[in-house]
């Protein structure tokens, strides 16, 4: 590489003037657009193109069954949560017990990473409300592997707890 030639005082002054002129041009360009723009979505209503929609149309999810009480359907079915599960329970144990009330769509049993034992709860998914309600009604308060299990719907429309929030008989 060739070393830069030493600039005289006149050369430094000329370079400095050129830099100041460039900065002045930038300042005048910024002053021409005096709107403040911060973050994402700074486009104001006046900047929108004609015909742009202000609100998004979201897909709504309708309940297929009319009388589900406060139980809320997930995307694929009704999910129930069983708590106070014995540490040594297996998926097969839960599958055998909960499949008596209808075909199980999905069964999820969380394990502790360190110990390898069950964390104490499980999620069981049924395709229909009637199957899920039958499992909740029958299994809530029953003993499973020496522990009393509490069973309820995982998703609900209110914060009311217990069997009282399920649709009436």
C-alpha atoms as a PDB file:
ATOM      1  CA  UNK A   1       0.000   0.000   0.000  1.00  0.00           C
ATOM      2  CA  UNK A   2       1.130   3.455  -0.774  1.00  0.00           C
ATOM      3  CA  UNK A   3       1.258   5.834   2.193  1.00  0.00           C
ATOM      4  CA  UNK A   4      -1.046   8.860   2.059  1.00  0.00           C
ATOM      5  CA  UNK A   5       0.694  12.062   1.140  1.00  0.00           C
ATOM      6  CA  UNK A   6       0.956  14.578   3.944  1.00  0.00           C
ATOM      7  CA  UNK A   7      -1.623  17.284   3.631  1.00  0.00           C
ATOM      8  CA  UNK A   8      -0.775  20.874   4.165  1.00  0.00           C
ATOM      9  CA  UNK A   9      -2.863  23.210   6.244  1.00  0.00           C
ATOM     10  CA  UNK A  10      -4.705  24.279   3.077  1.00  0.00           C
ATOM     11  CA  UNK A  11      -5.424  20.638   2.140  1.00  0.00           C
ATOM     12  CA  UNK A  12      -6.841  19.877   5.615  1.00  0.00           C
ATOM     13  CA  UNK A  13      -9.015  22.971   5.483  1.00  0.00           C
ATOM     14  CA  UNK A  14     -10.368  21.948   2.072  1.00  0.00           C
ATOM     15  CA  UNK A  15     -11.160  18.441   3.284  1.00  0.00           C
ATOM     16  CA  UNK A  16     -12.909  19.828   6.348  1.00  0.00           C
ATOM     17  CA  UNK A  17     -14.995  22.218   4.206  1.00  0.00           C
ATOM     18  CA  UNK A  18     -16.033  19.321   1.971  1.00  0.00           C
ATOM     19  CA  UNK A  19     -17.139  17.290   4.992  1.00  0.00           C
ATOM     20  CA  UNK A  20     -19.111  20.246   6.383  1.00  0.00           C
ATOM     21  CA  UNK A  21     -20.786  20.772   3.004  1.00  0.00           C
ATOM     22  CA  UNK A  22     -21.808  17.109   2.882  1.00  0.00           C
ATOM     23  CA  UNK A  23     -23.258  17.338   6.401  1.00  0.00           C
ATOM     24  CA  UNK A  24     -25.165  20.499   5.439  1.00  0.00           C
ATOM     25  CA  UNK A  25     -26.725  18.699   2.475  1.00  0.00           C
ATOM     26  CA  UNK A  26     -27.843  15.862   4.777  1.00  0.00           C
ATOM     27  CA  UNK A  27     -29.333  18.326   7.275  1.00  0.00           C
ATOM     28  CA  UNK A  28     -31.306  20.121   4.567  1.00  0.00           C
ATOM     29  CA  UNK A  29     -32.650  16.781   3.271  1.00  0.00           C
ATOM     30  CA  UNK A  30     -33.769  15.836   6.799  1.00  0.00           C
ATOM     31  CA  UNK A  31     -35.397  19.232   7.299  1.00  0.00           C
ATOM     32  CA  UNK A  32     -37.444  18.768   4.121  1.00  0.00           C
ATOM     33  CA  UNK A  33     -39.079  15.690   5.689  1.00  0.00           C
ATOM     34  CA  UNK A  34     -39.967  17.089   9.133  1.00  0.00           C
ATOM     35  CA  UNK A  35     -42.209  14.172  10.215  1.00  0.00           C
ATOM     36  CA  UNK A  36     -41.025  12.223  13.244  1.00  0.00           C
ATOM     37  CA  UNK A  37     -40.698   8.506  12.530  1.00  0.00           C
ATOM     38  CA  UNK A  38     -39.994   6.104  15.358  1.00  0.00           C
ATOM     39  CA  UNK A  39     -40.053   2.325  15.465  1.00  0.00           C
ATOM     40  CA  UNK A  40     -42.148  -0.036  13.414  1.00  0.00           C
ATOM     41  CA  UNK A  41     -45.453   0.908  11.883  1.00  0.00           C
ATOM     42  CA  UNK A  42     -44.797   4.625  11.667  1.00  0.00           C
ATOM     43  CA  UNK A  43     -46.967   4.979   8.580  1.00  0.00           C
ATOM     44  CA  UNK A  44     -49.755   7.378   9.490  1.00  0.00           C
ATOM     45  CA  UNK A  45     -53.291   7.418   8.118  1.00  0.00           C
ATOM     46  CA  UNK A  46     -52.349  10.106   5.607  1.00  0.00           C
ATOM     47  CA  UNK A  47     -49.504   7.934   4.252  1.00  0.00           C
ATOM     48  CA  UNK A  48     -51.701   4.929   3.499  1.00  0.00           C
ATOM     49  CA  UNK A  49     -52.613   4.044   0.006  1.00  0.00           C
ATOM     50  CA  UNK A  50     -56.261   4.456  -0.975  1.00  0.00           C
ATOM     51  CA  UNK A  51     -58.214   1.272  -0.402  1.00  0.00           C
ATOM     52  CA  UNK A  52     -55.936  -0.031   2.383  1.00  0.00           C
ATOM     53  CA  UNK A  53     -57.805  -1.758   5.182  1.00  0.00           C
ATOM     54  CA  UNK A  54     -57.256  -0.242   8.630  1.00  0.00           C
ATOM     55  CA  UNK A  55     -58.224  -3.381  10.544  1.00  0.00           C
ATOM     56  CA  UNK A  56     -57.283  -6.973   9.907  1.00  0.00           C
ATOM     57  CA  UNK A  57     -60.008  -9.542   9.372  1.00  0.00           C
ATOM     58  CA  UNK A  58     -59.251 -12.438  11.706  1.00  0.00           C
ATOM     59  CA  UNK A  59     -60.705 -15.882  11.342  1.00  0.00           C
ATOM     60  CA  UNK A  60     -63.199 -16.634  14.075  1.00  0.00           C
ATOM     61  CA  UNK A  61     -63.582 -20.029  15.668  1.00  0.00           C
ATOM     62  CA  UNK A  62     -67.123 -21.209  16.242  1.00  0.00           C
ATOM     63  CA  UNK A  63     -68.039 -23.826  18.819  1.00  0.00           C
ATOM     64  CA  UNK A  64     -69.531 -26.831  17.028  1.00  0.00           C
ATOM     65  CA  UNK A  65     -71.559 -28.064  19.987  1.00  0.00           C
ATOM     66  CA  UNK A  66     -74.124 -25.742  21.548  1.00  0.00           C
ATOM     67  CA  UNK A  67     -74.325 -26.919  25.179  1.00  0.00           C
ATOM     68  CA  UNK A  68     -70.715 -27.194  26.372  1.00  0.00           C
ATOM     69  CA  UNK A  69     -71.192 -24.997  29.423  1.00  0.00           C
ATOM     70  CA  UNK A  70     -67.987 -23.179  30.195  1.00  0.00           C
ATOM     71  CA  UNK A  71     -65.679 -25.820  28.688  1.00  0.00           C
ATOM     72  CA  UNK A  72     -63.705 -24.380  25.787  1.00  0.00           C
ATOM     73  CA  UNK A  73     -62.780 -26.440  22.742  1.00  0.00           C
ATOM     74  CA  UNK A  74     -59.180 -26.381  21.539  1.00  0.00           C
ATOM     75  CA  UNK A  75     -58.351 -26.567  17.843  1.00  0.00           C
ATOM     76  CA  UNK A  76     -58.663 -30.344  17.561  1.00  0.00           C
ATOM     77  CA  UNK A  77     -60.846 -31.334  20.503  1.00  0.00           C
ATOM     78  CA  UNK A  78     -61.515 -30.985  24.215  1.00  0.00           C
ATOM     79  CA  UNK A  79     -58.477 -31.132  26.497  1.00  0.00           C
ATOM     80  CA  UNK A  80     -58.751 -32.231  30.108  1.00  0.00           C
ATOM     81  CA  UNK A  81     -56.046 -31.824  32.731  1.00  0.00           C
ATOM     82  CA  UNK A  82     -55.425 -34.512  35.342  1.00  0.00           C
ATOM     83  CA  UNK A  83     -53.372 -33.389  38.350  1.00  0.00           C
ATOM     84  CA  UNK A  84     -51.844 -35.195  41.323  1.00  0.00           C
ATOM     85  CA  UNK A  85     -50.616 -38.030  39.100  1.00  0.00           C
ATOM     86  CA  UNK A  86     -48.342 -40.564  40.804  1.00  0.00           C
ATOM     87  CA  UNK A  87     -44.612 -40.098  40.070  1.00  0.00           C
ATOM     88  CA  UNK A  88     -44.287 -43.630  38.761  1.00  0.00           C
ATOM     89  CA  UNK A  89     -47.284 -43.512  36.401  1.00  0.00           C
ATOM     90  CA  UNK A  90     -46.718 -44.253  32.718  1.00  0.00           C
ATOM     91  CA  UNK A  91     -48.526 -43.179  29.570  1.00  0.00           C
ATOM     92  CA  UNK A  92     -49.892 -46.691  29.243  1.00  0.00           C
ATOM     93  CA  UNK A  93     -51.458 -46.496  32.733  1.00  0.00           C
ATOM     94  CA  UNK A  94     -53.199 -43.240  31.895  1.00  0.00           C
ATOM     95  CA  UNK A  95     -54.208 -44.425  28.442  1.00  0.00           C
ATOM     96  CA  UNK A  96     -55.821 -47.556  29.868  1.00  0.00           C
ATOM     97  CA  UNK A  97     -57.795 -45.599  32.466  1.00  0.00           C
ATOM     98  CA  UNK A  98     -58.920 -42.647  30.300  1.00  0.00           C
ATOM     99  CA  UNK A  99     -59.684 -44.676  27.147  1.00  0.00           C
ATOM    100  CA  UNK A 100     -62.694 -46.186  28.953  1.00  0.00           C
ATOM    101  CA  UNK A 101     -64.581 -42.923  28.291  1.00  0.00           C
ATOM    102  CA  UNK A 102     -63.854 -42.664  24.570  1.00  0.00           C
ATOM    103  CA  UNK A 103     -61.047 -42.701  22.027  1.00  0.00           C
ATOM    104  CA  UNK A 104     -58.136 -40.488  23.066  1.00  0.00           C
ATOM    105  CA  UNK A 105     -56.903 -38.056  20.419  1.00  0.00           C
ATOM    106  CA  UNK A 106     -53.747 -37.097  22.293  1.00  0.00           C
ATOM    107  CA  UNK A 107     -52.139 -37.843  25.665  1.00  0.00           C
ATOM    108  CA  UNK A 108     -49.296 -35.728  27.034  1.00  0.00           C
ATOM    109  CA  UNK A 109     -47.448 -36.684  30.224  1.00  0.00           C
ATOM    110  CA  UNK A 110     -44.607 -34.339  31.229  1.00  0.00           C
ATOM    111  CA  UNK A 111     -41.460 -35.772  32.791  1.00  0.00           C
ATOM    112  CA  UNK A 112     -38.910 -34.032  34.989  1.00  0.00           C
ATOM    113  CA  UNK A 113     -35.600 -33.766  33.105  1.00  0.00           C
ATOM    114  CA  UNK A 114     -33.384 -34.384  36.104  1.00  0.00           C
ATOM    115  CA  UNK A 115     -35.205 -37.208  37.844  1.00  0.00           C
ATOM    116  CA  UNK A 116     -37.073 -38.746  34.904  1.00  0.00           C
ATOM    117  CA  UNK A 117     -40.229 -39.037  36.991  1.00  0.00           C
ATOM    118  CA  UNK A 118     -43.655 -37.653  36.086  1.00  0.00           C
ATOM    119  CA  UNK A 119     -44.157 -33.997  37.013  1.00  0.00           C
ATOM    120  CA  UNK A 120     -47.579 -34.737  38.473  1.00  0.00           C
ATOM    121  CA  UNK A 121     -49.996 -33.716  35.732  1.00  0.00           C
ATOM    122  CA  UNK A 122     -51.176 -34.948  32.344  1.00  0.00           C
ATOM    123  CA  UNK A 123     -53.235 -33.622  29.442  1.00  0.00           C
ATOM    124  CA  UNK A 124     -55.734 -35.898  27.725  1.00  0.00           C
ATOM    125  CA  UNK A 125     -57.553 -34.812  24.557  1.00  0.00           C
ATOM    126  CA  UNK A 126     -60.878 -36.164  23.334  1.00  0.00           C
ATOM    127  CA  UNK A 127     -62.555 -35.413  20.011  1.00  0.00           C
ATOM    128  CA  UNK A 128     -66.025 -34.732  21.437  1.00  0.00           C
ATOM    129  CA  UNK A 129     -67.363 -32.882  24.423  1.00  0.00           C
ATOM    130  CA  UNK A 130     -69.431 -35.847  25.613  1.00  0.00           C
ATOM    131  CA  UNK A 131     -66.338 -38.061  25.930  1.00  0.00           C
ATOM    132  CA  UNK A 132     -64.355 -35.372  27.746  1.00  0.00           C
ATOM    133  CA  UNK A 133     -67.223 -34.608  30.120  1.00  0.00           C
ATOM    134  CA  UNK A 134     -67.663 -38.303  30.910  1.00  0.00           C
ATOM    135  CA  UNK A 135     -63.950 -38.608  31.749  1.00  0.00           C
ATOM    136  CA  UNK A 136     -63.987 -35.497  33.952  1.00  0.00           C
ATOM    137  CA  UNK A 137     -67.113 -36.553  35.799  1.00  0.00           C
ATOM    138  CA  UNK A 138     -65.943 -40.143  36.360  1.00  0.00           C
ATOM    139  CA  UNK A 139     -62.263 -39.573  37.126  1.00  0.00           C
ATOM    140  CA  UNK A 140     -62.380 -36.444  39.293  1.00  0.00           C
ATOM    141  CA  UNK A 141     -61.647 -37.555  42.866  1.00  0.00           C
ATOM    142  CA  UNK A 142     -60.874 -41.184  41.914  1.00  0.00           C
ATOM    143  CA  UNK A 143     -57.758 -43.009  43.046  1.00  0.00           C
ATOM    144  CA  UNK A 144     -55.107 -43.806  40.439  1.00  0.00           C
ATOM    145  CA  UNK A 145     -51.949 -45.646  41.570  1.00  0.00           C
ATOM    146  CA  UNK A 146     -52.469 -44.796  45.269  1.00  0.00           C
ATOM    147  CA  UNK A 147     -53.144 -41.059  44.674  1.00  0.00           C
ATOM    148  CA  UNK A 148     -56.440 -39.206  44.391  1.00  0.00           C
ATOM    149  CA  UNK A 149     -56.552 -37.536  40.973  1.00  0.00           C
ATOM    150  CA  UNK A 150     -58.171 -34.160  40.257  1.00  0.00           C
ATOM    151  CA  UNK A 151     -59.523 -33.905  36.698  1.00  0.00           C
ATOM    152  CA  UNK A 152     -60.982 -30.831  34.996  1.00  0.00           C
ATOM    153  CA  UNK A 153     -61.147 -29.130  31.602  1.00  0.00           C
ATOM    154  CA  UNK A 154     -57.864 -27.480  30.663  1.00  0.00           C
ATOM    155  CA  UNK A 155     -59.494 -24.572  28.820  1.00  0.00           C
ATOM    156  CA  UNK A 156     -62.527 -22.743  30.154  1.00  0.00           C
ATOM    157  CA  UNK A 157     -64.446 -19.576  29.408  1.00  0.00           C
ATOM    158  CA  UNK A 158     -64.233 -18.294  32.995  1.00  0.00           C
ATOM    159  CA  UNK A 159     -62.140 -18.600  36.122  1.00  0.00           C
ATOM    160  CA  UNK A 160     -64.712 -20.737  37.973  1.00  0.00           C
ATOM    161  CA  UNK A 161     -63.005 -23.923  39.181  1.00  0.00           C
ATOM    162  CA  UNK A 162     -64.266 -27.427  39.617  1.00  0.00           C
ATOM    163  CA  UNK A 163     -67.042 -29.575  38.284  1.00  0.00           C
ATOM    164  CA  UNK A 164     -69.574 -26.749  38.798  1.00  0.00           C
ATOM    165  CA  UNK A 165     -68.447 -25.022  35.616  1.00  0.00           C
ATOM    166  CA  UNK A 166     -69.424 -27.968  33.389  1.00  0.00           C
ATOM    167  CA  UNK A 167     -72.841 -27.818  31.695  1.00  0.00           C
ATOM    168  CA  UNK A 168     -75.668 -29.151  33.798  1.00  0.00           C
ATOM    169  CA  UNK A 169     -76.948 -32.741  33.641  1.00  0.00           C
END
